[in-house]
Amino acid sequence: MNSDSEDILIPGSQDDEENLLYEHIRVQADKGQSPLRVDKFLYLHLADTSRNRIQKAADAGFIRVNDRQVKSNYKVKPLDTVTVWLDHPPFDTTIEAEDIPLDIVYEDSELLIVNKAAGMVVHPGCGNFSGTLVNAIAWHLKDDPDFNINNPEVGLVHRIDKDTSGLLVIAKTANAKTRLGLQFFNKTTSRRYNALIWGDPGKNEGRIEGNIGRDPRNRLRMAVFPPDSETGKPAVTHWSIMRRYRHTTLVECRLETGRTHQIRAHMASIGHPLFNDERYGGEQILRGTTDNSYRLFIRKCFDTCPRQALHARTLGFTHPHTDKWMDFTSPLPQDMQQLVDLWEEYSHQE
């Protein structure tokens, strides 16, 4: 599947006040494309686009297939070229300060280290315009005259998923963001995660290399593609065994790159998805027995840690002002620690 996009003017509009920018997107179906409604096809292939936006485009006559206008019930066929104009809905992107508690691990005049709780979205986005980590940071630094959360030259240097817990660094100055950003780009930072995975990889350590890109069959997932392919972005994850249990394993993952869902997609690609990772199949019983007592035990585990079992445990980098190396460690949060304890106890049962 190939796609491209650009901003263009509303097709056919003559009124300057109505001649707002639209996003023009072109998607070509694969050779093996099975018949699928064009609105569903676009929803599956366009990240961060709602069904409502697509339906509005269809109703306005802004969906074409092979240069012919079609309705939303048109069935896409192999090698069809689908073109859509999507409106840019007005939205105030100003980030407001909100009084939300933060677990601050370290702070100085240049940076801030935060231990993010699972369930907190890092940055405002589609469906999450408040209650995020960035809103909380804005409140924490509201009295700092030199910090403006809406200035892209400061703020978040990297991100972790909503349901992943752990350490993040925030730059309070432009110099700090530039120098920290270069360290992440040049792979000179140190980041280690703890994850509970289904099964036992067998070896004590390993390396996963595979490009990370949007899954063409599920817009909410990332997929792993061959390293020599032109699809996705290069990604490398190193893993090592910390503790083996019956049917699950606690591993440490070290990142060379920082792609979206990297650990989750990479571990799933080798047959060991993260425990209770709904998006990558880890919310099912993938190892163990079929008896009722085991199913009840797994249900208890899922309830104890109702998210993917992934924690950004360590973070290391060179301080952007002092040039001294800094290391930070965050212990497993309560839900993951209780989950590990359950598996420890279960593994010692006769």
Protein backbone atom coordinates (compact mmCIF):
# COMPACT_ATOMS: atom_id res chain seq x y z
CA MET A 1 0.00 0.00 0.00
CA ASN A 2 1.42 3.35 -1.07
CA SER A 3 0.17 6.71 0.13
CA ASP A 4 1.06 10.38 0.05
CA SER A 5 -0.53 13.59 1.22
CA GLU A 6 -0.33 17.36 0.91
CA ASP A 7 -2.29 20.47 1.90
CA ILE A 8 -4.35 21.97 -0.94
CA LEU A 9 -7.30 24.30 -1.41
CA ILE A 10 -10.88 23.08 -1.39
CA PRO A 11 -11.56 21.73 -4.88
CA GLY A 12 -13.79 24.06 -6.89
CA SER A 13 -14.10 26.76 -4.22
CA GLN A 14 -14.30 30.35 -5.47
CA ASP A 15 -14.92 32.08 -2.14
CA ASP A 16 -11.73 33.27 -0.42
CA GLU A 17 -13.39 33.09 3.01
CA GLU A 18 -14.41 29.48 2.35
CA ASN A 19 -11.21 28.53 0.55
CA LEU A 20 -9.67 26.83 3.57
CA LEU A 21 -6.83 24.33 3.42
CA TYR A 22 -7.76 20.69 2.96
CA GLU A 23 -5.51 17.67 3.25
CA HIS A 24 -5.18 15.76 0.00
CA ILE A 25 -4.34 12.08 0.45
CA ARG A 26 -3.80 9.41 -2.18
CA VAL A 27 -3.70 5.70 -1.31
CA GLN A 28 -3.12 2.83 -3.73
CA ALA A 29 -4.58 -0.57 -2.86
CA ASP A 30 -2.30 -3.61 -2.89
CA LYS A 31 -2.50 -6.37 -5.50
CA GLY A 32 -4.13 -8.67 -2.96
CA GLN A 33 -6.77 -6.20 -1.79
CA SER A 34 -10.07 -7.93 -1.08
CA PRO A 35 -13.32 -6.01 -1.82
CA LEU A 36 -13.86 -3.46 0.95
CA ARG A 37 -16.04 -0.36 1.30
CA VAL A 38 -13.98 2.71 0.50
CA ASP A 39 -14.83 4.44 3.79
CA LYS A 40 -13.62 1.40 5.76
CA PHE A 41 -10.56 1.13 3.52
CA LEU A 42 -9.58 4.74 4.27
CA TYR A 43 -10.26 4.37 7.99
CA LEU A 44 -7.92 1.37 8.15
CA HIS A 45 -5.14 3.05 6.20
CA LEU A 46 -5.14 6.61 7.53
CA ALA A 47 -3.64 7.12 10.97
CA ASP A 48 -5.26 9.66 13.32
CA THR A 49 -8.31 10.12 11.08
CA SER A 50 -11.82 9.63 12.45
CA ARG A 51 -14.70 7.87 10.70
CA ASN A 52 -16.61 11.15 10.92
CA ARG A 53 -14.00 13.05 8.86
CA ILE A 54 -14.03 10.33 6.21
CA GLN A 55 -17.84 10.25 6.08
CA LYS A 56 -17.98 14.04 5.73
CA ALA A 57 -15.56 13.79 2.81
CA ALA A 58 -17.74 11.13 1.19
CA ASP A 59 -20.91 13.18 1.66
CA ALA A 60 -19.20 16.21 0.11
CA GLY A 61 -18.10 14.22 -2.92
CA PHE A 62 -14.42 14.45 -1.96
CA ILE A 63 -13.58 10.75 -2.40
CA ARG A 64 -12.44 9.55 -5.82
CA VAL A 65 -11.27 6.18 -7.09
CA ASN A 66 -9.15 6.17 -10.24
CA ASP A 67 -10.18 9.82 -10.75
CA ARG A 68 -13.92 9.02 -10.55
CA GLN A 69 -16.10 10.34 -7.73
CA VAL A 70 -17.54 7.49 -5.65
CA LYS A 71 -19.90 7.05 -2.73
CA SER A 72 -18.86 5.60 0.61
CA ASN A 73 -20.23 2.13 -0.28
CA TYR A 74 -17.89 1.72 -3.28
CA LYS A 75 -15.89 -1.51 -2.96
CA VAL A 76 -12.13 -0.97 -3.32
CA LYS A 77 -10.44 -3.48 -5.67
CA PRO A 78 -6.78 -4.45 -6.20
CA LEU A 79 -4.55 -1.58 -7.40
CA ASP A 80 -7.33 1.01 -7.12
CA THR A 81 -6.02 4.53 -6.49
CA VAL A 82 -8.15 6.19 -3.83
CA THR A 83 -7.99 9.97 -3.42
CA VAL A 84 -9.63 11.86 -0.56
CA TRP A 85 -9.79 15.49 0.55
CA LEU A 86 -10.09 15.80 4.33
CA ASP A 87 -10.93 19.08 6.01
CA HIS A 88 -8.64 20.46 8.70
CA PRO A 89 -11.13 21.03 11.52
CA PRO A 90 -10.48 24.16 13.59
CA PHE A 91 -8.90 23.33 16.92
CA ASP A 92 -7.16 25.47 19.49
CA THR A 93 -3.86 23.70 20.11
CA THR A 94 -2.93 25.93 23.05
CA ILE A 95 -1.93 23.77 26.00
CA GLU A 96 -3.56 24.79 29.26
CA ALA A 97 -1.99 24.29 32.68
CA GLU A 98 -3.85 21.77 34.86
CA ASP A 99 -3.27 20.99 38.51
CA ILE A 100 -2.38 17.31 38.13
CA PRO A 101 0.02 15.58 40.58
CA LEU A 102 3.47 14.71 39.22
CA ASP A 103 6.04 12.21 40.51
CA ILE A 104 9.18 14.32 40.07
CA VAL A 105 12.40 12.33 40.34
CA TYR A 106 14.82 15.19 39.67
CA GLU A 107 14.71 18.87 38.73
CA ASP A 108 17.17 21.68 38.10
CA SER A 109 17.23 24.87 36.03
CA GLU A 110 17.68 22.94 32.76
CA LEU A 111 15.52 19.84 32.99
CA LEU A 112 12.93 17.80 34.77
CA ILE A 113 12.76 14.02 35.25
CA VAL A 114 9.25 12.63 35.78
CA ASN A 115 8.12 9.12 36.68
CA LYS A 116 4.93 8.82 34.61
CA ALA A 117 2.11 6.65 35.89
CA ALA A 118 0.43 4.13 33.62
CA GLY A 119 -2.79 5.47 32.14
CA MET A 120 -1.58 9.03 31.68
CA VAL A 121 -1.37 10.32 28.12
CA VAL A 122 1.90 12.16 27.51
CA HIS A 123 0.77 14.87 25.08
CA PRO A 124 -2.62 16.30 24.04
CA GLY A 125 -3.94 14.71 20.86
CA CYS A 126 -6.97 13.21 19.20
CA GLY A 127 -9.45 12.35 21.96
CA ASN A 128 -7.10 13.47 24.75
CA PHE A 129 -7.01 17.26 24.89
CA SER A 130 -6.62 17.57 28.66
CA GLY A 131 -5.39 15.61 31.65
CA THR A 132 -2.05 14.83 30.01
CA LEU A 133 1.49 14.90 31.34
CA VAL A 134 2.15 18.08 29.36
CA ASN A 135 -0.82 19.81 31.00
CA ALA A 136 0.59 18.81 34.39
CA ILE A 137 4.06 20.11 33.50
CA ALA A 138 2.54 23.41 32.40
CA TRP A 139 1.01 23.76 35.86
CA HIS A 140 4.19 22.75 37.67
CA LEU A 141 6.22 25.37 35.77
CA LYS A 142 3.54 28.05 35.50
CA ASP A 143 5.54 30.45 37.71
CA ASP A 144 8.74 30.07 35.69
CA PRO A 145 8.88 33.21 33.48
CA ASP A 146 11.37 31.56 31.10
CA PHE A 147 9.25 28.46 30.39
CA ASN A 148 6.33 28.38 27.97
CA ILE A 149 4.77 24.96 27.42
CA ASN A 150 3.46 26.11 24.03
CA ASN A 151 6.96 26.89 22.79
CA PRO A 152 8.15 23.88 20.73
CA GLU A 153 11.76 24.73 21.61
CA VAL A 154 11.20 23.42 25.15
CA GLY A 155 9.24 20.58 26.74
CA LEU A 156 9.12 16.86 26.01
CA VAL A 157 12.27 15.35 24.56
CA HIS A 158 10.81 11.84 24.06
CA ARG A 159 7.58 9.96 24.79
CA ILE A 160 6.24 6.66 26.11
CA ASP A 161 2.84 5.07 25.54
CA LYS A 162 -0.19 5.95 27.64
CA ASP A 163 -0.28 2.58 29.43
CA THR A 164 3.49 2.32 29.84
CA SER A 165 4.89 3.63 33.11
CA GLY A 166 8.32 5.07 33.81
CA LEU A 167 10.88 7.81 33.29
CA LEU A 168 10.73 10.79 30.94
CA VAL A 169 12.96 13.86 30.60
CA ILE A 170 11.54 17.32 29.95
CA ALA A 171 13.71 20.23 28.78
CA LYS A 172 13.13 23.57 30.52
CA THR A 173 15.35 25.53 28.13
CA ALA A 174 15.90 25.55 24.37
CA ASN A 175 19.56 24.64 24.86
CA ALA A 176 18.61 21.63 26.97
CA LYS A 177 16.08 20.38 24.41
CA THR A 178 18.54 20.75 21.54
CA ARG A 179 21.39 18.96 23.31
CA LEU A 180 19.20 16.22 24.78
CA GLY A 181 17.46 15.75 21.44
CA LEU A 182 20.82 15.21 19.74
CA GLN A 183 21.71 12.53 22.28
CA PHE A 184 18.50 10.64 21.53
CA PHE A 185 19.09 11.07 17.79
CA ASN A 186 22.71 9.89 18.05
CA LYS A 187 21.71 6.96 20.31
CA THR A 188 24.04 8.00 23.13
CA THR A 189 21.36 7.89 25.82
CA SER A 190 20.73 4.77 27.92
CA ARG A 191 17.18 3.48 28.21
CA ARG A 192 16.19 0.18 29.73
CA TYR A 193 12.68 -1.19 30.16
CA ASN A 194 11.28 -4.06 32.20
CA ALA A 195 8.61 -6.18 30.54
CA LEU A 196 6.73 -9.34 31.41
CA ILE A 197 6.28 -11.39 28.25
CA TRP A 198 4.37 -14.54 27.40
CA GLY A 199 6.52 -17.67 27.15
CA ASP A 200 10.26 -18.26 27.37
CA PRO A 201 12.50 -17.13 24.49
CA GLY A 202 14.92 -19.93 25.39
CA LYS A 203 18.17 -17.99 25.10
CA ASN A 204 19.32 -15.69 27.88
CA GLU A 205 19.57 -12.70 25.60
CA GLY A 206 18.88 -11.63 22.05
CA ARG A 207 18.67 -8.83 19.51
CA ILE A 208 15.65 -7.90 17.39
CA GLU A 209 16.15 -5.84 14.25
CA GLY A 210 13.18 -4.95 12.10
CA ASN A 211 11.67 -1.80 10.69
CA ILE A 212 8.70 -0.40 12.57
CA GLY A 213 5.82 1.01 10.51
CA ARG A 214 2.06 1.38 10.62
CA ASP A 215 0.26 -1.97 10.29
CA PRO A 216 -1.65 -1.78 6.99
CA ARG A 217 -4.38 -4.04 8.41
CA ASN A 218 -4.86 -2.19 11.70
CA ARG A 219 -4.24 1.55 11.95
CA LEU A 220 -3.85 1.38 15.75
CA ARG A 221 -0.94 -1.06 15.63
CA MET A 222 2.62 -0.95 14.42
CA ALA A 223 4.07 -3.82 12.37
CA VAL A 224 7.60 -5.15 11.93
CA PHE A 225 9.07 -5.24 8.41
CA PRO A 226 12.39 -6.64 7.12
CA PRO A 227 15.39 -4.40 7.92
CA ASP A 228 16.32 -4.11 4.26
CA SER A 229 12.81 -3.09 3.17
CA GLU A 230 11.74 0.45 2.39
CA THR A 231 8.73 0.15 4.70
CA GLY A 232 8.87 1.62 8.20
CA LYS A 233 11.81 3.04 10.13
CA PRO A 234 14.88 1.06 11.30
CA ALA A 235 14.60 -0.22 14.87
CA VAL A 236 16.78 -2.37 17.14
CA THR A 237 15.85 -3.82 20.53
CA HIS A 238 18.19 -5.83 22.78
CA TRP A 239 16.61 -8.08 25.39
CA SER A 240 17.93 -10.18 28.26
CA ILE A 241 16.29 -12.54 30.76
CA MET A 242 15.79 -11.29 34.30
CA ARG A 243 13.58 -14.03 35.71
CA ARG A 244 11.82 -17.07 34.27
CA TYR A 245 8.39 -18.09 35.55
CA ARG A 246 6.02 -20.81 34.44
CA HIS A 247 4.59 -19.61 31.11
CA THR A 248 5.93 -16.01 31.38
CA THR A 249 9.33 -14.32 31.58
CA LEU A 250 10.51 -11.02 33.03
CA VAL A 251 12.93 -9.38 30.58
CA GLU A 252 14.98 -6.23 30.34
CA CYS A 253 14.86 -4.44 26.99
CA ARG A 254 17.49 -1.94 25.88
CA LEU A 255 16.62 0.39 23.04
CA GLU A 256 18.97 1.49 20.29
CA THR A 257 16.12 3.38 18.65
CA GLY A 258 12.87 4.80 19.96
CA ARG A 259 10.07 3.97 17.55
CA THR A 260 6.36 3.99 18.37
CA HIS A 261 5.40 0.73 20.15
CA GLN A 262 8.92 -0.59 19.45
CA ILE A 263 9.23 -3.07 22.31
CA ARG A 264 5.60 -4.15 22.03
CA ALA A 265 5.80 -4.78 18.29
CA HIS A 266 9.27 -6.35 18.37
CA MET A 267 8.49 -8.82 21.16
CA ALA A 268 5.20 -9.79 19.50
CA SER A 269 7.08 -10.35 16.23
CA ILE A 270 9.20 -13.11 17.83
CA GLY A 271 6.17 -14.80 19.37
CA HIS A 272 6.42 -13.32 22.86
CA PRO A 273 3.97 -10.42 23.18
CA LEU A 274 3.85 -8.43 26.38
CA PHE A 275 1.55 -9.79 29.07
CA ASN A 276 -1.92 -8.20 28.85
CA ASP A 277 -0.99 -6.11 25.79
CA GLU A 278 -4.41 -5.96 24.17
CA ARG A 279 -3.21 -4.33 20.98
CA TYR A 280 -0.63 -7.03 20.23
CA GLY A 281 -2.48 -10.14 21.38
CA GLY A 282 -1.11 -10.37 24.91
CA GLU A 283 -4.54 -10.15 26.54
CA GLN A 284 -5.21 -13.80 25.64
CA ILE A 285 -3.92 -16.92 27.39
CA LEU A 286 -1.01 -17.77 25.11
CA ARG A 287 0.85 -20.26 27.30
CA GLY A 288 -0.11 -22.72 30.02
CA THR A 289 -2.98 -25.08 30.66
CA THR A 290 -6.69 -24.98 29.88
CA ASP A 291 -8.02 -25.91 33.31
CA ASN A 292 -10.36 -23.58 35.14
CA SER A 293 -8.03 -22.79 38.05
CA TYR A 294 -5.34 -21.56 35.64
CA ARG A 295 -7.86 -19.40 33.77
CA LEU A 296 -8.94 -17.87 37.09
CA PHE A 297 -5.30 -17.20 37.96
CA ILE A 298 -4.71 -15.43 34.64
CA ARG A 299 -7.85 -13.36 35.15
CA LYS A 300 -6.51 -12.30 38.54
CA CYS A 301 -3.22 -11.33 36.88
CA PHE A 302 -5.02 -9.28 34.22
CA ASP A 303 -7.06 -7.51 36.90
CA THR A 304 -3.96 -6.82 38.97
CA CYS A 305 -2.12 -5.17 36.08
CA PRO A 306 -4.84 -4.05 33.61
CA ARG A 307 -2.42 -2.83 30.93
CA GLN A 308 0.62 -3.99 28.99
CA ALA A 309 3.31 -5.02 31.51
CA LEU A 310 5.96 -2.51 30.43
CA HIS A 311 7.93 -0.05 32.56
CA ALA A 312 10.63 2.47 31.51
CA ARG A 313 12.92 1.65 34.42
CA THR A 314 16.20 3.48 33.71
CA LEU A 315 17.23 6.62 31.88
CA GLY A 316 20.77 7.87 31.37
CA PHE A 317 22.17 10.85 29.49
CA THR A 318 24.78 13.60 29.59
CA HIS A 319 23.54 16.73 31.33
CA PRO A 320 23.08 19.46 28.70
CA HIS A 321 24.80 22.13 30.81
CA THR A 322 27.32 20.37 33.08
CA ASP A 323 28.25 17.57 30.62
CA LYS A 324 28.14 15.11 33.52
CA TRP A 325 26.58 11.68 32.98
CA MET A 326 23.30 11.22 34.88
CA ASP A 327 21.51 7.96 35.66
CA PHE A 328 17.99 7.58 36.99
CA THR A 329 16.12 4.44 38.05
CA SER A 330 12.45 3.91 38.79
CA PRO A 331 11.37 0.72 40.61
CA LEU A 332 8.49 -1.33 39.24
CA PRO A 333 5.17 0.39 39.98
CA GLN A 334 2.76 -1.33 42.33
CA ASP A 335 0.63 -3.01 39.66
CA MET A 336 3.59 -4.59 37.86
CA GLN A 337 5.30 -5.57 41.10
CA GLN A 338 2.15 -7.31 42.31
CA LEU A 339 1.86 -9.05 38.93
CA VAL A 340 5.44 -10.31 39.16
CA ASP A 341 4.80 -11.47 42.73
CA LEU A 342 1.78 -13.47 41.57
CA TRP A 343 3.85 -15.24 38.94
CA GLU A 344 6.66 -15.84 41.44
CA GLU A 345 4.22 -17.50 43.82
CA TYR A 346 2.54 -19.50 41.07
CA SER A 347 5.89 -20.75 39.76
CA HIS A 348 6.83 -22.17 43.18
CA GLN A 349 3.62 -24.17 43.51
CA GLU A 350 3.95 -27.91 43.12
